[in-house]
Amino acid sequence: MTRLEICFLKRDEGDSSVQSTLDAWKERMWGEPRSDGIQWSTPDWHTLLPSRSEYVSRAGIVIRSIDVGHRSLAVAGICEVATKSEHRGSGLASQVLRHAAGFIRDELALPFGLLLCEEEMIPFFERFGWQWIDESPVCALPDVEGELSQLRCMVLECTDAAWPAGPIHLRGLPC
């Protein structure tokens, strides 16, 4: 597998045409409004894998404090993991996820990553050290507190700290 150079782009920094390209890609992938009917957080960072003159794989990173049990935790939520259809099956999303995890640990210095996914995606994320936890997070959906029971919650321990037990409240839109 060819190793490509991953780049990280902070939201609202850099060329506005890049953000426009990412927004258009997101709309093509998930629809606007999204086909799952859930309003998701906007990433604070984009993990991008370019090939020639375009981005071919991506993952968003949302930085946030959440509540787990009676503790407040700083986490990096992973969202918008995608690879353009003509590049799927070549390990590009795997590279993006590995680099995003390293960025969370080494650059953002956050103890945990967190993601929400459909059940059939659990084995994919487990290959990269993500652990499924048996909690359905609660989030602040517009005008309603909603439980995301149709999605599975996974965490990545980025330090020696263990994920605490207890209910999860995302303190905002899902990430």
N, C-alpha and C. Protein backbone atom coordinates (compact mmCIF):
# COMPACT_ATOMS: atom_id res chain seq x y z
N MET A 1 0.84 -1.18 0.00
CA MET A 1 0.00 0.00 0.00
C MET A 1 0.89 1.24 0.00
N THR A 2 0.55 2.17 -0.83
CA THR A 2 1.28 3.44 -0.90
C THR A 2 0.95 4.28 0.32
N ARG A 3 1.99 4.84 0.92
CA ARG A 3 1.77 5.71 2.07
C ARG A 3 1.72 7.15 1.57
N LEU A 4 0.63 7.81 1.85
CA LEU A 4 0.44 9.19 1.41
C LEU A 4 0.58 10.14 2.58
N GLU A 5 0.80 11.39 2.28
CA GLU A 5 0.99 12.41 3.31
C GLU A 5 -0.34 12.94 3.82
N ILE A 6 -0.60 12.74 5.11
CA ILE A 6 -1.83 13.22 5.75
C ILE A 6 -1.61 14.68 6.16
N CYS A 7 -2.65 15.49 6.04
CA CYS A 7 -2.56 16.86 6.53
C CYS A 7 -3.72 17.13 7.49
N PHE A 8 -3.51 18.10 8.36
CA PHE A 8 -4.52 18.50 9.34
C PHE A 8 -4.86 19.96 9.07
N LEU A 9 -6.14 20.23 9.01
CA LEU A 9 -6.60 21.58 8.73
C LEU A 9 -7.56 21.99 9.83
N LYS A 10 -7.24 23.09 10.50
CA LYS A 10 -8.13 23.61 11.54
C LYS A 10 -9.27 24.37 10.87
N ARG A 11 -10.48 24.15 11.39
CA ARG A 11 -11.64 24.83 10.84
C ARG A 11 -11.40 26.34 10.82
N ASP A 12 -11.82 26.99 9.79
CA ASP A 12 -11.73 28.44 9.63
C ASP A 12 -10.31 28.95 9.46
N GLU A 13 -9.36 28.06 9.21
CA GLU A 13 -8.01 28.49 8.89
C GLU A 13 -7.67 27.98 7.50
N GLY A 14 -6.91 28.74 6.79
CA GLY A 14 -6.49 28.31 5.47
C GLY A 14 -7.43 28.79 4.39
N ASP A 15 -7.30 28.21 3.24
CA ASP A 15 -8.02 28.59 2.03
C ASP A 15 -9.51 28.26 2.14
N SER A 16 -10.37 29.25 1.90
CA SER A 16 -11.81 29.01 1.99
C SER A 16 -12.29 28.04 0.92
N SER A 17 -11.57 27.91 -0.18
CA SER A 17 -11.97 26.96 -1.22
C SER A 17 -11.85 25.53 -0.73
N VAL A 18 -10.90 25.28 0.18
CA VAL A 18 -10.77 23.94 0.76
C VAL A 18 -12.00 23.62 1.59
N GLN A 19 -12.44 24.56 2.41
CA GLN A 19 -13.64 24.33 3.22
C GLN A 19 -14.86 24.14 2.34
N SER A 20 -14.97 24.89 1.27
CA SER A 20 -16.08 24.73 0.33
C SER A 20 -16.06 23.34 -0.31
N THR A 21 -14.88 22.88 -0.67
CA THR A 21 -14.73 21.54 -1.24
C THR A 21 -15.16 20.48 -0.24
N LEU A 22 -14.74 20.63 1.03
CA LEU A 22 -15.11 19.66 2.06
C LEU A 22 -16.61 19.68 2.32
N ASP A 23 -17.21 20.87 2.35
CA ASP A 23 -18.66 20.97 2.56
C ASP A 23 -19.42 20.30 1.42
N ALA A 24 -18.99 20.51 0.19
CA ALA A 24 -19.66 19.89 -0.96
C ALA A 24 -19.51 18.37 -0.90
N TRP A 25 -18.35 17.89 -0.53
CA TRP A 25 -18.11 16.45 -0.40
C TRP A 25 -19.04 15.87 0.66
N LYS A 26 -19.13 16.54 1.81
CA LYS A 26 -20.01 16.08 2.89
C LYS A 26 -21.45 16.00 2.42
N GLU A 27 -21.89 17.02 1.69
CA GLU A 27 -23.27 17.03 1.20
C GLU A 27 -23.51 15.87 0.23
N ARG A 28 -22.54 15.58 -0.64
CA ARG A 28 -22.69 14.46 -1.57
C ARG A 28 -22.72 13.12 -0.83
N MET A 29 -21.90 12.99 0.23
CA MET A 29 -21.81 11.73 0.97
C MET A 29 -23.06 11.45 1.78
N TRP A 30 -23.54 12.45 2.54
CA TRP A 30 -24.60 12.21 3.52
C TRP A 30 -25.89 12.96 3.24
N GLY A 31 -25.88 13.86 2.28
CA GLY A 31 -27.07 14.65 2.00
C GLY A 31 -27.16 15.85 2.93
N GLU A 32 -27.97 16.81 2.55
CA GLU A 32 -28.16 18.00 3.37
C GLU A 32 -29.64 18.34 3.35
N PRO A 33 -30.42 18.14 4.38
CA PRO A 33 -29.94 17.63 5.65
C PRO A 33 -29.52 16.17 5.53
N ARG A 34 -28.73 15.74 6.49
CA ARG A 34 -28.19 14.39 6.42
C ARG A 34 -29.29 13.35 6.36
N SER A 35 -29.02 12.30 5.62
CA SER A 35 -30.02 11.26 5.41
C SER A 35 -30.35 10.50 6.69
N ASP A 36 -29.47 10.54 7.70
CA ASP A 36 -29.77 9.84 8.95
C ASP A 36 -30.67 10.67 9.87
N GLY A 37 -30.97 11.91 9.48
CA GLY A 37 -31.88 12.75 10.24
C GLY A 37 -31.27 13.36 11.49
N ILE A 38 -29.99 13.15 11.72
CA ILE A 38 -29.32 13.66 12.92
C ILE A 38 -28.50 14.89 12.54
N GLN A 39 -28.59 15.92 13.35
CA GLN A 39 -27.71 17.07 13.16
C GLN A 39 -26.43 16.80 13.92
N TRP A 40 -25.30 16.82 13.23
CA TRP A 40 -24.00 16.49 13.80
C TRP A 40 -23.18 17.75 14.05
N SER A 41 -22.21 17.64 14.95
CA SER A 41 -21.29 18.74 15.23
C SER A 41 -20.41 19.03 14.01
N THR A 42 -20.00 20.27 13.90
CA THR A 42 -19.04 20.67 12.88
C THR A 42 -17.64 20.38 13.41
N PRO A 43 -16.80 19.71 12.62
CA PRO A 43 -15.44 19.40 13.10
C PRO A 43 -14.62 20.66 13.39
N ASP A 44 -13.79 20.57 14.43
CA ASP A 44 -12.82 21.63 14.73
C ASP A 44 -11.57 21.45 13.87
N TRP A 45 -11.27 20.21 13.53
CA TRP A 45 -10.12 19.86 12.70
C TRP A 45 -10.56 18.88 11.62
N HIS A 46 -9.89 18.92 10.49
CA HIS A 46 -10.08 17.93 9.43
C HIS A 46 -8.77 17.19 9.25
N THR A 47 -8.86 15.87 9.23
CA THR A 47 -7.73 15.01 8.89
C THR A 47 -7.93 14.65 7.43
N LEU A 48 -7.01 15.04 6.57
CA LEU A 48 -7.22 14.93 5.13
C LEU A 48 -6.09 14.16 4.47
N LEU A 49 -6.46 13.34 3.52
CA LEU A 49 -5.47 12.61 2.74
C LEU A 49 -5.61 13.05 1.28
N PRO A 50 -4.63 13.82 0.81
CA PRO A 50 -4.69 14.27 -0.59
C PRO A 50 -4.06 13.25 -1.53
N SER A 51 -4.54 13.25 -2.75
CA SER A 51 -3.93 12.47 -3.83
C SER A 51 -4.02 13.32 -5.08
N ARG A 52 -2.90 13.63 -5.62
CA ARG A 52 -2.82 14.54 -6.76
C ARG A 52 -3.46 15.88 -6.39
N SER A 53 -4.54 16.26 -7.05
CA SER A 53 -5.10 17.60 -6.83
C SER A 53 -6.39 17.57 -6.02
N GLU A 54 -6.67 16.47 -5.32
CA GLU A 54 -7.92 16.39 -4.55
C GLU A 54 -7.71 15.63 -3.25
N TYR A 55 -8.65 15.82 -2.32
CA TYR A 55 -8.67 15.04 -1.09
C TYR A 55 -9.49 13.79 -1.35
N VAL A 56 -8.95 12.63 -0.96
CA VAL A 56 -9.63 11.37 -1.27
C VAL A 56 -10.15 10.65 -0.03
N SER A 57 -9.66 11.02 1.14
CA SER A 57 -10.14 10.41 2.38
C SER A 57 -10.05 11.44 3.49
N ARG A 58 -10.95 11.30 4.48
CA ARG A 58 -11.02 12.33 5.51
C ARG A 58 -11.61 11.77 6.79
N ALA A 59 -11.38 12.50 7.87
CA ALA A 59 -12.06 12.30 9.15
C ALA A 59 -12.06 13.64 9.87
N GLY A 60 -13.19 13.96 10.50
CA GLY A 60 -13.28 15.18 11.28
C GLY A 60 -12.94 14.90 12.73
N ILE A 61 -12.49 15.93 13.43
CA ILE A 61 -12.19 15.84 14.86
C ILE A 61 -12.92 16.99 15.56
N VAL A 62 -13.73 16.64 16.54
CA VAL A 62 -14.48 17.62 17.34
C VAL A 62 -13.91 17.60 18.75
N ILE A 63 -13.44 18.73 19.24
CA ILE A 63 -12.90 18.81 20.60
C ILE A 63 -14.00 19.28 21.52
N ARG A 64 -14.17 18.53 22.63
CA ARG A 64 -15.28 18.88 23.50
C ARG A 64 -15.09 18.27 24.88
N SER A 65 -15.76 18.87 25.86
CA SER A 65 -15.88 18.30 27.19
C SER A 65 -17.22 17.61 27.28
N ILE A 66 -17.21 16.40 27.82
CA ILE A 66 -18.45 15.64 27.98
C ILE A 66 -18.54 15.18 29.42
N ASP A 67 -19.70 14.66 29.80
CA ASP A 67 -19.88 14.07 31.13
C ASP A 67 -19.97 12.57 31.00
N VAL A 68 -19.18 11.88 31.83
CA VAL A 68 -19.26 10.43 31.92
C VAL A 68 -19.42 10.11 33.39
N GLY A 69 -20.58 9.52 33.74
CA GLY A 69 -20.89 9.34 35.15
C GLY A 69 -20.95 10.72 35.79
N HIS A 70 -20.14 10.92 36.82
CA HIS A 70 -20.11 12.22 37.50
C HIS A 70 -18.84 12.99 37.20
N ARG A 71 -18.15 12.60 36.12
CA ARG A 71 -16.89 13.25 35.75
C ARG A 71 -17.04 14.04 34.46
N SER A 72 -16.29 15.12 34.38
CA SER A 72 -16.17 15.86 33.13
C SER A 72 -14.89 15.40 32.46
N LEU A 73 -14.97 15.06 31.17
CA LEU A 73 -13.80 14.57 30.43
C LEU A 73 -13.61 15.37 29.15
N ALA A 74 -12.38 15.66 28.82
CA ALA A 74 -12.06 16.25 27.52
C ALA A 74 -11.84 15.10 26.54
N VAL A 75 -12.52 15.18 25.40
CA VAL A 75 -12.39 14.13 24.39
C VAL A 75 -12.25 14.77 23.01
N ALA A 76 -11.80 13.95 22.09
CA ALA A 76 -11.80 14.31 20.67
C ALA A 76 -12.76 13.36 19.99
N GLY A 77 -13.85 13.90 19.50
CA GLY A 77 -14.82 13.08 18.78
C GLY A 77 -14.41 12.93 17.33
N ILE A 78 -14.49 11.72 16.82
CA ILE A 78 -14.20 11.46 15.41
C ILE A 78 -15.52 11.42 14.66
N CYS A 79 -15.56 12.12 13.54
CA CYS A 79 -16.78 12.17 12.73
C CYS A 79 -16.41 12.26 11.26
N GLU A 80 -17.43 12.13 10.42
CA GLU A 80 -17.26 12.32 8.98
C GLU A 80 -16.11 11.52 8.38
N VAL A 81 -15.98 10.26 8.82
CA VAL A 81 -14.96 9.39 8.23
C VAL A 81 -15.47 8.96 6.86
N ALA A 82 -14.70 9.25 5.83
CA ALA A 82 -15.15 8.93 4.47
C ALA A 82 -13.97 8.83 3.52
N THR A 83 -14.16 8.01 2.51
CA THR A 83 -13.23 7.91 1.39
C THR A 83 -14.06 7.99 0.12
N LYS A 84 -13.59 8.73 -0.85
CA LYS A 84 -14.31 8.82 -2.12
C LYS A 84 -14.46 7.43 -2.71
N SER A 85 -15.62 7.20 -3.33
CA SER A 85 -15.99 5.85 -3.77
C SER A 85 -14.95 5.19 -4.66
N GLU A 86 -14.33 5.93 -5.55
CA GLU A 86 -13.35 5.33 -6.46
C GLU A 86 -12.04 4.93 -5.77
N HIS A 87 -11.87 5.32 -4.50
CA HIS A 87 -10.65 4.99 -3.76
C HIS A 87 -10.90 4.02 -2.61
N ARG A 88 -12.13 3.59 -2.42
CA ARG A 88 -12.46 2.70 -1.30
C ARG A 88 -11.81 1.34 -1.47
N GLY A 89 -11.55 0.71 -0.33
CA GLY A 89 -10.96 -0.63 -0.34
C GLY A 89 -9.45 -0.64 -0.47
N SER A 90 -8.82 0.53 -0.42
CA SER A 90 -7.36 0.59 -0.57
C SER A 90 -6.65 1.01 0.70
N GLY A 91 -7.37 1.03 1.83
CA GLY A 91 -6.74 1.32 3.11
C GLY A 91 -6.56 2.79 3.44
N LEU A 92 -7.17 3.67 2.66
CA LEU A 92 -6.98 5.10 2.89
C LEU A 92 -7.65 5.57 4.18
N ALA A 93 -8.87 5.12 4.45
CA ALA A 93 -9.53 5.49 5.71
C ALA A 93 -8.74 4.97 6.90
N SER A 94 -8.12 3.81 6.75
CA SER A 94 -7.28 3.26 7.82
C SER A 94 -6.11 4.20 8.12
N GLN A 95 -5.47 4.70 7.08
CA GLN A 95 -4.37 5.65 7.28
C GLN A 95 -4.86 6.92 7.96
N VAL A 96 -6.00 7.42 7.51
CA VAL A 96 -6.55 8.64 8.10
C VAL A 96 -6.85 8.43 9.58
N LEU A 97 -7.47 7.30 9.92
CA LEU A 97 -7.80 7.02 11.33
C LEU A 97 -6.55 6.89 12.20
N ARG A 98 -5.53 6.21 11.70
CA ARG A 98 -4.28 6.08 12.48
C ARG A 98 -3.67 7.45 12.75
N HIS A 99 -3.64 8.29 11.73
CA HIS A 99 -3.07 9.62 11.91
C HIS A 99 -3.93 10.50 12.81
N ALA A 100 -5.24 10.39 12.68
CA ALA A 100 -6.13 11.15 13.56
C ALA A 100 -5.90 10.75 15.02
N ALA A 101 -5.76 9.45 15.28
CA ALA A 101 -5.51 8.98 16.65
C ALA A 101 -4.18 9.54 17.18
N GLY A 102 -3.15 9.52 16.35
CA GLY A 102 -1.87 10.10 16.76
C GLY A 102 -1.96 11.59 17.02
N PHE A 103 -2.73 12.29 16.21
CA PHE A 103 -2.93 13.73 16.38
C PHE A 103 -3.66 14.02 17.70
N ILE A 104 -4.67 13.22 18.01
CA ILE A 104 -5.40 13.37 19.28
C ILE A 104 -4.46 13.19 20.45
N ARG A 105 -3.64 12.15 20.39
CA ARG A 105 -2.73 11.81 21.48
C ARG A 105 -1.56 12.80 21.58
N ASP A 106 -0.88 13.05 20.45
CA ASP A 106 0.39 13.77 20.48
C ASP A 106 0.25 15.29 20.35
N GLU A 107 -0.65 15.75 19.52
CA GLU A 107 -0.77 17.20 19.28
C GLU A 107 -1.83 17.84 20.17
N LEU A 108 -3.01 17.20 20.25
CA LEU A 108 -4.08 17.75 21.07
C LEU A 108 -3.93 17.37 22.53
N ALA A 109 -3.14 16.33 22.81
CA ALA A 109 -2.87 15.85 24.17
C ALA A 109 -4.16 15.56 24.95
N LEU A 110 -5.10 14.91 24.27
CA LEU A 110 -6.35 14.54 24.91
C LEU A 110 -6.32 13.07 25.30
N PRO A 111 -6.93 12.71 26.44
CA PRO A 111 -6.83 11.34 26.92
C PRO A 111 -7.70 10.34 26.17
N PHE A 112 -8.76 10.83 25.49
CA PHE A 112 -9.69 9.90 24.87
C PHE A 112 -10.18 10.41 23.52
N GLY A 113 -10.39 9.45 22.63
CA GLY A 113 -11.16 9.69 21.42
C GLY A 113 -12.52 9.04 21.61
N LEU A 114 -13.51 9.55 20.94
CA LEU A 114 -14.86 9.01 21.04
C LEU A 114 -15.50 9.08 19.66
N LEU A 115 -16.22 8.04 19.29
CA LEU A 115 -16.95 8.08 18.03
C LEU A 115 -18.25 7.32 18.17
N LEU A 116 -19.18 7.65 17.31
CA LEU A 116 -20.47 6.98 17.21
C LEU A 116 -20.54 6.35 15.83
N CYS A 117 -20.96 5.10 15.78
CA CYS A 117 -21.02 4.41 14.50
C CYS A 117 -22.17 3.42 14.48
N GLU A 118 -22.49 2.94 13.30
CA GLU A 118 -23.46 1.88 13.17
C GLU A 118 -22.81 0.57 13.60
N GLU A 119 -23.61 -0.34 14.09
CA GLU A 119 -23.09 -1.58 14.67
C GLU A 119 -22.18 -2.35 13.72
N GLU A 120 -22.51 -2.36 12.43
CA GLU A 120 -21.69 -3.14 11.49
C GLU A 120 -20.29 -2.55 11.30
N MET A 121 -20.06 -1.32 11.75
CA MET A 121 -18.73 -0.70 11.63
C MET A 121 -17.82 -0.98 12.82
N ILE A 122 -18.34 -1.58 13.88
CA ILE A 122 -17.54 -1.84 15.08
C ILE A 122 -16.27 -2.62 14.76
N PRO A 123 -16.32 -3.74 14.01
CA PRO A 123 -15.08 -4.48 13.74
C PRO A 123 -14.03 -3.64 13.01
N PHE A 124 -14.45 -2.75 12.12
CA PHE A 124 -13.50 -1.89 11.42
C PHE A 124 -12.74 -1.02 12.42
N PHE A 125 -13.46 -0.33 13.31
CA PHE A 125 -12.81 0.56 14.26
C PHE A 125 -12.01 -0.20 15.32
N GLU A 126 -12.46 -1.39 15.69
CA GLU A 126 -11.72 -2.19 16.67
C GLU A 126 -10.31 -2.52 16.18
N ARG A 127 -10.12 -2.64 14.88
CA ARG A 127 -8.79 -2.92 14.32
C ARG A 127 -7.78 -1.84 14.67
N PHE A 128 -8.27 -0.66 15.03
CA PHE A 128 -7.38 0.47 15.33
C PHE A 128 -7.36 0.80 16.81
N GLY A 129 -7.83 -0.13 17.64
CA GLY A 129 -7.76 0.05 19.09
C GLY A 129 -8.98 0.68 19.72
N TRP A 130 -9.99 1.00 18.93
CA TRP A 130 -11.22 1.55 19.48
C TRP A 130 -11.98 0.44 20.19
N GLN A 131 -12.60 0.78 21.33
CA GLN A 131 -13.33 -0.19 22.14
C GLN A 131 -14.80 0.20 22.21
N TRP A 132 -15.66 -0.77 21.96
CA TRP A 132 -17.09 -0.54 22.07
C TRP A 132 -17.46 -0.47 23.55
N ILE A 133 -18.27 0.49 23.93
CA ILE A 133 -18.76 0.57 25.30
C ILE A 133 -20.28 0.51 25.27
N ASP A 134 -20.82 -0.15 26.24
CA ASP A 134 -22.25 -0.42 26.27
C ASP A 134 -23.01 0.72 26.94
N GLU A 135 -22.92 1.89 26.35
CA GLU A 135 -23.65 3.07 26.80
C GLU A 135 -24.19 3.78 25.57
N SER A 136 -25.42 4.22 25.63
CA SER A 136 -25.98 5.05 24.56
C SER A 136 -25.87 6.50 25.00
N PRO A 137 -25.05 7.27 24.33
CA PRO A 137 -24.86 8.65 24.75
C PRO A 137 -26.14 9.47 24.60
N VAL A 138 -26.27 10.44 25.46
CA VAL A 138 -27.34 11.42 25.36
C VAL A 138 -26.70 12.69 24.82
N CYS A 139 -27.43 13.37 23.95
CA CYS A 139 -26.88 14.59 23.37
C CYS A 139 -27.96 15.66 23.32
N ALA A 140 -27.53 16.86 23.05
CA ALA A 140 -28.45 17.99 22.92
C ALA A 140 -28.82 18.15 21.46
N LEU A 141 -29.94 17.57 21.07
CA LEU A 141 -30.46 17.78 19.73
C LEU A 141 -31.33 19.03 19.76
N PRO A 142 -31.46 19.71 18.64
CA PRO A 142 -32.26 20.94 18.65
C PRO A 142 -33.65 20.71 19.26
N ASP A 143 -33.95 21.48 20.30
CA ASP A 143 -35.24 21.46 20.99
C ASP A 143 -35.55 20.16 21.72
N VAL A 144 -34.59 19.26 21.83
CA VAL A 144 -34.89 17.96 22.44
C VAL A 144 -33.60 17.36 22.98
N GLU A 145 -33.67 16.69 24.11
CA GLU A 145 -32.55 15.88 24.57
C GLU A 145 -32.78 14.50 23.97
N GLY A 146 -31.85 14.02 23.20
CA GLY A 146 -32.08 12.75 22.51
C GLY A 146 -31.03 11.71 22.85
N GLU A 147 -31.48 10.45 22.89
CA GLU A 147 -30.56 9.33 23.06
C GLU A 147 -30.28 8.76 21.68
N LEU A 148 -29.04 8.51 21.41
CA LEU A 148 -28.63 8.01 20.11
C LEU A 148 -28.57 6.49 20.13
N SER A 149 -29.68 5.85 20.48
CA SER A 149 -29.69 4.41 20.72
C SER A 149 -29.44 3.60 19.45
N GLN A 150 -29.62 4.19 18.26
CA GLN A 150 -29.38 3.43 17.05
C GLN A 150 -27.90 3.37 16.70
N LEU A 151 -27.07 4.15 17.38
CA LEU A 151 -25.63 4.17 17.13
C LEU A 151 -24.88 3.55 18.29
N ARG A 152 -23.70 3.03 18.01
CA ARG A 152 -22.84 2.45 19.04
C ARG A 152 -21.74 3.44 19.37
N CYS A 153 -21.38 3.48 20.64
CA CYS A 153 -20.34 4.39 21.12
C CYS A 153 -19.03 3.62 21.26
N MET A 154 -17.97 4.19 20.76
CA MET A 154 -16.64 3.59 20.86
C MET A 154 -15.67 4.63 21.40
N VAL A 155 -14.70 4.16 22.17
CA VAL A 155 -13.68 5.05 22.72
C VAL A 155 -12.29 4.54 22.39
N LEU A 156 -11.36 5.47 22.35
CA LEU A 156 -9.95 5.17 22.16
C LEU A 156 -9.21 5.77 23.33
N GLU A 157 -8.53 4.92 24.09
CA GLU A 157 -7.75 5.40 25.23
C GLU A 157 -6.39 5.84 24.71
N CYS A 158 -6.10 7.13 24.79
CA CYS A 158 -4.88 7.70 24.22
C CYS A 158 -3.77 7.86 25.25
N THR A 159 -4.05 7.58 26.51
CA THR A 159 -3.06 7.63 27.58
C THR A 159 -3.23 6.37 28.41
N ASP A 160 -2.62 6.33 29.57
CA ASP A 160 -2.80 5.18 30.47
C ASP A 160 -4.13 5.22 31.21
N ALA A 161 -4.86 6.32 31.10
CA ALA A 161 -6.14 6.46 31.80
C ALA A 161 -7.17 5.51 31.20
N ALA A 162 -7.95 4.89 32.06
CA ALA A 162 -9.03 4.01 31.62
C ALA A 162 -10.33 4.80 31.50
N TRP A 163 -11.14 4.43 30.53
CA TRP A 163 -12.44 5.08 30.34
C TRP A 163 -13.29 4.82 31.57
N PRO A 164 -13.87 5.84 32.18
CA PRO A 164 -14.69 5.64 33.38
C PRO A 164 -16.05 5.04 33.06
N ALA A 165 -16.64 4.40 34.03
CA ALA A 165 -17.98 3.82 33.88
C ALA A 165 -19.01 4.92 34.08
N GLY A 166 -20.16 4.73 33.47
CA GLY A 166 -21.28 5.64 33.71
C GLY A 166 -21.90 6.14 32.44
N PRO A 167 -23.07 6.73 32.59
CA PRO A 167 -23.77 7.29 31.43
C PRO A 167 -22.99 8.44 30.81
N ILE A 168 -23.17 8.60 29.51
CA ILE A 168 -22.43 9.60 28.74
C ILE A 168 -23.39 10.68 28.28
N HIS A 169 -23.05 11.93 28.58
CA HIS A 169 -23.78 13.07 28.05
C HIS A 169 -22.81 13.90 27.22
N LEU A 170 -23.11 14.07 25.95
CA LEU A 170 -22.18 14.74 25.03
C LEU A 170 -22.15 16.26 25.17
N ARG A 171 -23.05 16.84 25.94
CA ARG A 171 -23.10 18.29 26.13
C ARG A 171 -23.18 19.07 24.84
N GLY A 172 -23.89 18.57 23.89
CA GLY A 172 -24.01 19.24 22.61
C GLY A 172 -24.46 18.27 21.55
N LEU A 173 -24.33 18.67 20.31
CA LEU A 173 -24.69 17.80 19.20
C LEU A 173 -23.74 16.60 19.16
N PRO A 174 -24.18 15.50 18.57
CA PRO A 174 -23.28 14.35 18.47
C PRO A 174 -22.06 14.67 17.64
N CYS A 175 -20.95 14.04 17.99
CA CYS A 175 -19.70 14.25 17.25
C CYS A 175 -19.24 12.95 16.66
